[in-house]
Amino acid sequence: MQSLNKNGVSITQTPGEEKFVKCCLGAFRGQIYYQYDYRHTDGELFSTVAKTLDECRRRRDEW
């Protein structure tokens, strides 16, 4: 399984960069979700999990 973390730290390091992976969460009866990270140009990290990539990006834009 792919991960956006290495040793507990996000691999999304470049300002303005977004990364995402599909994941199957057992706690939600095996439904597919997107794990999403975005590193803002000021260096702050935004992370979320949602059912669609569009929902992840909408949350990022509201953030």
PDB file of N, CA and C in Angstrom:
ATOM      1  N   MET A   1       0.838  -1.186   0.000  1.00  0.00           N
ATOM      2  CA  MET A   1       0.000   0.000   0.000  1.00  0.00           C
ATOM      3  C   MET A   1       0.880   1.244   0.000  1.00  0.00           C
ATOM      4  N   GLN A   2       0.526   2.201  -0.815  1.00  0.00           N
ATOM      5  CA  GLN A   2       1.248   3.468  -0.874  1.00  0.00           C
ATOM      6  C   GLN A   2       0.952   4.300   0.366  1.00  0.00           C
ATOM      7  N   SER A   3       1.857   5.200   0.684  1.00  0.00           N
ATOM      8  CA  SER A   3       1.676   6.076   1.830  1.00  0.00           C
ATOM      9  C   SER A   3       2.209   7.460   1.503  1.00  0.00           C
ATOM     10  N   LEU A   4       1.625   8.455   2.138  1.00  0.00           N
ATOM     11  CA  LEU A   4       2.109   9.817   1.994  1.00  0.00           C
ATOM     12  C   LEU A   4       3.052  10.183   3.134  1.00  0.00           C
ATOM     13  N   ASN A   5       3.407   9.192   3.949  1.00  0.00           N
ATOM     14  CA  ASN A   5       4.267   9.423   5.102  1.00  0.00           C
ATOM     15  C   ASN A   5       5.465   8.486   5.079  1.00  0.00           C
ATOM     16  N   LYS A   6       6.575   8.993   5.582  1.00  0.00           N
ATOM     17  CA  LYS A   6       7.765   8.167   5.778  1.00  0.00           C
ATOM     18  C   LYS A   6       8.260   8.463   7.190  1.00  0.00           C
ATOM     19  N   ASN A   7       8.288   7.426   8.016  1.00  0.00           N
ATOM     20  CA  ASN A   7       8.670   7.584   9.421  1.00  0.00           C
ATOM     21  C   ASN A   7       7.797   8.617  10.132  1.00  0.00           C
ATOM     22  N   GLY A   8       6.516   8.666   9.765  1.00  0.00           N
ATOM     23  CA  GLY A   8       5.575   9.568  10.421  1.00  0.00           C
ATOM     24  C   GLY A   8       5.594  10.998   9.930  1.00  0.00           C
ATOM     25  N   VAL A   9       6.376  11.276   8.873  1.00  0.00           N
ATOM     26  CA  VAL A   9       6.494  12.628   8.331  1.00  0.00           C
ATOM     27  C   VAL A   9       5.990  12.625   6.892  1.00  0.00           C
ATOM     28  N   SER A  10       5.218  13.651   6.541  1.00  0.00           N
ATOM     29  CA  SER A  10       4.684  13.744   5.180  1.00  0.00           C
ATOM     30  C   SER A  10       5.815  13.819   4.162  1.00  0.00           C
ATOM     31  N   ILE A  11       5.662  13.094   3.053  1.00  0.00           N
ATOM     32  CA  ILE A  11       6.641  13.168   1.967  1.00  0.00           C
ATOM     33  C   ILE A  11       6.341  14.330   1.030  1.00  0.00           C
ATOM     34  N   THR A  12       5.247  15.051   1.273  1.00  0.00           N
ATOM     35  CA  THR A  12       4.886  16.219   0.481  1.00  0.00           C
ATOM     36  C   THR A  12       5.672  17.397   1.050  1.00  0.00           C
ATOM     37  N   GLN A  13       6.800  17.725   0.433  1.00  0.00           N
ATOM     38  CA  GLN A  13       7.710  18.717   0.994  1.00  0.00           C
ATOM     39  C   GLN A  13       7.850  19.988   0.163  1.00  0.00           C
ATOM     40  N   THR A  14       7.616  19.923  -1.127  1.00  0.00           N
ATOM     41  CA  THR A  14       7.812  21.071  -2.004  1.00  0.00           C
ATOM     42  C   THR A  14       6.638  22.033  -1.877  1.00  0.00           C
ATOM     43  N   PRO A  15       6.892  23.335  -1.609  1.00  0.00           N
ATOM     44  CA  PRO A  15       5.795  24.301  -1.526  1.00  0.00           C
ATOM     45  C   PRO A  15       4.950  24.310  -2.807  1.00  0.00           C
ATOM     46  N   GLY A  16       3.617  24.282  -2.630  1.00  0.00           N
ATOM     47  CA  GLY A  16       2.695  24.263  -3.755  1.00  0.00           C
ATOM     48  C   GLY A  16       2.399  22.868  -4.283  1.00  0.00           C
ATOM     49  N   GLU A  17       2.981  21.844  -3.669  1.00  0.00           N
ATOM     50  CA  GLU A  17       2.840  20.463  -4.136  1.00  0.00           C
ATOM     51  C   GLU A  17       1.636  19.778  -3.487  1.00  0.00           C
ATOM     52  N   GLU A  18       0.939  18.955  -4.280  1.00  0.00           N
ATOM     53  CA  GLU A  18      -0.116  18.102  -3.740  1.00  0.00           C
ATOM     54  C   GLU A  18       0.211  16.660  -4.076  1.00  0.00           C
ATOM     55  N   LYS A  19      -0.133  15.769  -3.154  1.00  0.00           N
ATOM     56  CA  LYS A  19       0.017  14.333  -3.381  1.00  0.00           C
ATOM     57  C   LYS A  19      -1.208  13.658  -2.810  1.00  0.00           C
ATOM     58  N   PHE A  20      -1.587  12.544  -3.435  1.00  0.00           N
ATOM     59  CA  PHE A  20      -2.735  11.792  -2.947  1.00  0.00           C
ATOM     60  C   PHE A  20      -2.588  10.331  -3.310  1.00  0.00           C
ATOM     61  N   VAL A  21      -3.222   9.485  -2.514  1.00  0.00           N
ATOM     62  CA  VAL A  21      -3.279   8.057  -2.780  1.00  0.00           C
ATOM     63  C   VAL A  21      -4.686   7.570  -2.456  1.00  0.00           C
ATOM     64  N   LYS A  22      -5.109   6.551  -3.171  1.00  0.00           N
ATOM     65  CA  LYS A  22      -6.364   5.881  -2.840  1.00  0.00           C
ATOM     66  C   LYS A  22      -6.066   4.892  -1.728  1.00  0.00           C
ATOM     67  N   CYS A  23      -6.973   4.800  -0.779  1.00  0.00           N
ATOM     68  CA  CYS A  23      -6.784   3.831   0.301  1.00  0.00           C
ATOM     69  C   CYS A  23      -8.119   3.204   0.661  1.00  0.00           C
ATOM     70  N   CYS A  24      -8.060   1.996   1.158  1.00  0.00           N
ATOM     71  CA  CYS A  24      -9.242   1.249   1.573  1.00  0.00           C
ATOM     72  C   CYS A  24      -9.227   1.206   3.086  1.00  0.00           C
ATOM     73  N   LEU A  25     -10.194   1.881   3.697  1.00  0.00           N
ATOM     74  CA  LEU A  25     -10.226   1.982   5.150  1.00  0.00           C
ATOM     75  C   LEU A  25     -11.153   0.930   5.735  1.00  0.00           C
ATOM     76  N   GLY A  26     -10.586   0.008   6.458  1.00  0.00           N
ATOM     77  CA  GLY A  26     -11.353  -1.076   7.059  1.00  0.00           C
ATOM     78  C   GLY A  26     -12.403  -0.588   8.039  1.00  0.00           C
ATOM     79  N   ALA A  27     -12.141   0.529   8.708  1.00  0.00           N
ATOM     80  CA  ALA A  27     -13.094   1.071   9.675  1.00  0.00           C
ATOM     81  C   ALA A  27     -14.388   1.533   9.005  1.00  0.00           C
ATOM     82  N   PHE A  28     -14.329   1.734   7.700  1.00  0.00           N
ATOM     83  CA  PHE A  28     -15.504   2.186   6.953  1.00  0.00           C
ATOM     84  C   PHE A  28     -15.982   1.109   5.989  1.00  0.00           C
ATOM     85  N   ARG A  29     -15.916  -0.152   6.432  1.00  0.00           N
ATOM     86  CA  ARG A  29     -16.397  -1.315   5.682  1.00  0.00           C
ATOM     87  C   ARG A  29     -15.754  -1.456   4.304  1.00  0.00           C
ATOM     88  N   GLY A  30     -14.468  -1.139   4.232  1.00  0.00           N
ATOM     89  CA  GLY A  30     -13.726  -1.354   3.001  1.00  0.00           C
ATOM     90  C   GLY A  30     -13.977  -0.350   1.903  1.00  0.00           C
ATOM     91  N   GLN A  31     -14.587   0.779   2.210  1.00  0.00           N
ATOM     92  CA  GLN A  31     -14.821   1.800   1.189  1.00  0.00           C
ATOM     93  C   GLN A  31     -13.500   2.450   0.782  1.00  0.00           C
ATOM     94  N   ILE A  32     -13.452   2.908  -0.463  1.00  0.00           N
ATOM     95  CA  ILE A  32     -12.263   3.568  -0.988  1.00  0.00           C
ATOM     96  C   ILE A  32     -12.325   5.063  -0.667  1.00  0.00           C
ATOM     97  N   TYR A  33     -11.206   5.577  -0.159  1.00  0.00           N
ATOM     98  CA  TYR A  33     -11.069   6.995   0.152  1.00  0.00           C
ATOM     99  C   TYR A  33      -9.772   7.512  -0.451  1.00  0.00           C
ATOM    100  N   TYR A  34      -9.632   8.821  -0.492  1.00  0.00           N
ATOM    101  CA  TYR A  34      -8.393   9.464  -0.909  1.00  0.00           C
ATOM    102  C   TYR A  34      -7.725  10.067   0.311  1.00  0.00           C
ATOM    103  N   GLN A  35      -6.450   9.742   0.496  1.00  0.00           N
ATOM    104  CA  GLN A  35      -5.625  10.437   1.482  1.00  0.00           C
ATOM    105  C   GLN A  35      -4.911  11.532   0.702  1.00  0.00           C
ATOM    106  N   TYR A  36      -5.002  12.760   1.176  1.00  0.00           N
ATOM    107  CA  TYR A  36      -4.550  13.916   0.406  1.00  0.00           C
ATOM    108  C   TYR A  36      -3.680  14.822   1.276  1.00  0.00           C
ATOM    109  N   ASP A  37      -2.527  15.214   0.747  1.00  0.00           N
ATOM    110  CA  ASP A  37      -1.649  16.192   1.388  1.00  0.00           C
ATOM    111  C   ASP A  37      -1.371  17.328   0.414  1.00  0.00           C
ATOM    112  N   TYR A  38      -1.335  18.536   0.950  1.00  0.00           N
ATOM    113  CA  TYR A  38      -0.964  19.709   0.153  1.00  0.00           C
ATOM    114  C   TYR A  38      -0.024  20.565   0.985  1.00  0.00           C
ATOM    115  N   ARG A  39       1.122  20.886   0.424  1.00  0.00           N
ATOM    116  CA  ARG A  39       2.086  21.753   1.102  1.00  0.00           C
ATOM    117  C   ARG A  39       1.918  23.160   0.527  1.00  0.00           C
ATOM    118  N   HIS A  40       1.416  24.076   1.348  1.00  0.00           N
ATOM    119  CA  HIS A  40       1.177  25.460   0.912  1.00  0.00           C
ATOM    120  C   HIS A  40       2.505  26.129   0.580  1.00  0.00           C
ATOM    121  N   THR A  41       2.446  27.196  -0.179  1.00  0.00           N
ATOM    122  CA  THR A  41       3.664  27.922  -0.546  1.00  0.00           C
ATOM    123  C   THR A  41       4.352  28.548   0.666  1.00  0.00           C
ATOM    124  N   ASP A  42       3.614  28.697   1.787  1.00  0.00           N
ATOM    125  CA  ASP A  42       4.237  29.207   3.013  1.00  0.00           C
ATOM    126  C   ASP A  42       4.830  28.082   3.868  1.00  0.00           C
ATOM    127  N   GLY A  43       4.740  26.833   3.377  1.00  0.00           N
ATOM    128  CA  GLY A  43       5.331  25.695   4.057  1.00  0.00           C
ATOM    129  C   GLY A  43       4.377  24.906   4.935  1.00  0.00           C
ATOM    130  N   GLU A  44       3.176  25.441   5.201  1.00  0.00           N
ATOM    131  CA  GLU A  44       2.220  24.744   6.057  1.00  0.00           C
ATOM    132  C   GLU A  44       1.605  23.561   5.310  1.00  0.00           C
ATOM    133  N   LEU A  45       1.372  22.470   6.040  1.00  0.00           N
ATOM    134  CA  LEU A  45       0.830  21.244   5.452  1.00  0.00           C
ATOM    135  C   LEU A  45      -0.656  21.126   5.735  1.00  0.00           C
ATOM    136  N   PHE A  46      -1.428  20.809   4.687  1.00  0.00           N
ATOM    137  CA  PHE A  46      -2.851  20.497   4.821  1.00  0.00           C
ATOM    138  C   PHE A  46      -3.020  19.029   4.478  1.00  0.00           C
ATOM    139  N   SER A  47      -3.720  18.276   5.325  1.00  0.00           N
ATOM    140  CA  SER A  47      -3.991  16.853   5.087  1.00  0.00           C
ATOM    141  C   SER A  47      -5.460  16.572   5.336  1.00  0.00           C
ATOM    142  N   THR A  48      -6.028  15.682   4.520  1.00  0.00           N
ATOM    143  CA  THR A  48      -7.411  15.270   4.724  1.00  0.00           C
ATOM    144  C   THR A  48      -7.624  13.895   4.108  1.00  0.00           C
ATOM    145  N   VAL A  49      -8.753  13.289   4.446  1.00  0.00           N
ATOM    146  CA  VAL A  49      -9.199  12.040   3.843  1.00  0.00           C
ATOM    147  C   VAL A  49     -10.651  12.250   3.443  1.00  0.00           C
ATOM    148  N   ALA A  50     -11.003  11.916   2.194  1.00  0.00           N
ATOM    149  CA  ALA A  50     -12.366  12.094   1.706  1.00  0.00           C
ATOM    150  C   ALA A  50     -12.673  11.034   0.646  1.00  0.00           C
ATOM    151  N   LYS A  51     -13.960  10.914   0.311  1.00  0.00           N
ATOM    152  CA  LYS A  51     -14.386   9.906  -0.662  1.00  0.00           C
ATOM    153  C   LYS A  51     -13.968  10.224  -2.093  1.00  0.00           C
ATOM    154  N   THR A  52     -13.778  11.523  -2.407  1.00  0.00           N
ATOM    155  CA  THR A  52     -13.377  11.896  -3.765  1.00  0.00           C
ATOM    156  C   THR A  52     -12.211  12.872  -3.716  1.00  0.00           C
ATOM    157  N   LEU A  53     -11.451  12.904  -4.794  1.00  0.00           N
ATOM    158  CA  LEU A  53     -10.360  13.859  -4.908  1.00  0.00           C
ATOM    159  C   LEU A  53     -10.911  15.280  -4.968  1.00  0.00           C
ATOM    160  N   ASP A  54     -12.055  15.468  -5.634  1.00  0.00           N
ATOM    161  CA  ASP A  54     -12.676  16.787  -5.694  1.00  0.00           C
ATOM    162  C   ASP A  54     -13.027  17.303  -4.303  1.00  0.00           C
ATOM    163  N   GLU A  55     -13.525  16.414  -3.437  1.00  0.00           N
ATOM    164  CA  GLU A  55     -13.853  16.808  -2.061  1.00  0.00           C
ATOM    165  C   GLU A  55     -12.589  17.209  -1.302  1.00  0.00           C
ATOM    166  N   CYS A  56     -11.502  16.479  -1.493  1.00  0.00           N
ATOM    167  CA  CYS A  56     -10.231  16.840  -0.860  1.00  0.00           C
ATOM    168  C   CYS A  56      -9.801  18.242  -1.282  1.00  0.00           C
ATOM    169  N   ARG A  57      -9.872  18.503  -2.578  1.00  0.00           N
ATOM    170  CA  ARG A  57      -9.447  19.811  -3.091  1.00  0.00           C
ATOM    171  C   ARG A  57     -10.380  20.927  -2.628  1.00  0.00           C
ATOM    172  N   ARG A  58     -11.678  20.638  -2.511  1.00  0.00           N
ATOM    173  CA  ARG A  58     -12.622  21.643  -2.012  1.00  0.00           C
ATOM    174  C   ARG A  58     -12.281  22.016  -0.578  1.00  0.00           C
ATOM    175  N   ARG A  59     -11.976  21.018   0.240  1.00  0.00           N
ATOM    176  CA  ARG A  59     -11.583  21.272   1.627  1.00  0.00           C
ATOM    177  C   ARG A  59     -10.301  22.078   1.696  1.00  0.00           C
ATOM    178  N   ARG A  60      -9.350  21.740   0.807  1.00  0.00           N
ATOM    179  CA  ARG A  60      -8.084  22.504   0.761  1.00  0.00           C
ATOM    180  C   ARG A  60      -8.360  23.961   0.416  1.00  0.00           C
ATOM    181  N   ASP A  61      -9.222  24.192  -0.575  1.00  0.00           N
ATOM    182  CA  ASP A  61      -9.512  25.564  -0.991  1.00  0.00           C
ATOM    183  C   ASP A  61     -10.185  26.357   0.122  1.00  0.00           C
ATOM    184  N   GLU A  62     -11.043  25.698   0.914  1.00  0.00           N
ATOM    185  CA  GLU A  62     -11.693  26.364   2.040  1.00  0.00           C
ATOM    186  C   GLU A  62     -10.706  26.636   3.162  1.00  0.00           C
ATOM    187  N   TRP A  63      -9.696  25.803   3.292  1.00  0.00           N
ATOM    188  CA  TRP A  63      -8.673  25.950   4.323  1.00  0.00           C
ATOM    189  C   TRP A  63      -7.871  27.185   4.045  1.00  0.00           C
TER     190      TRP A  63
END
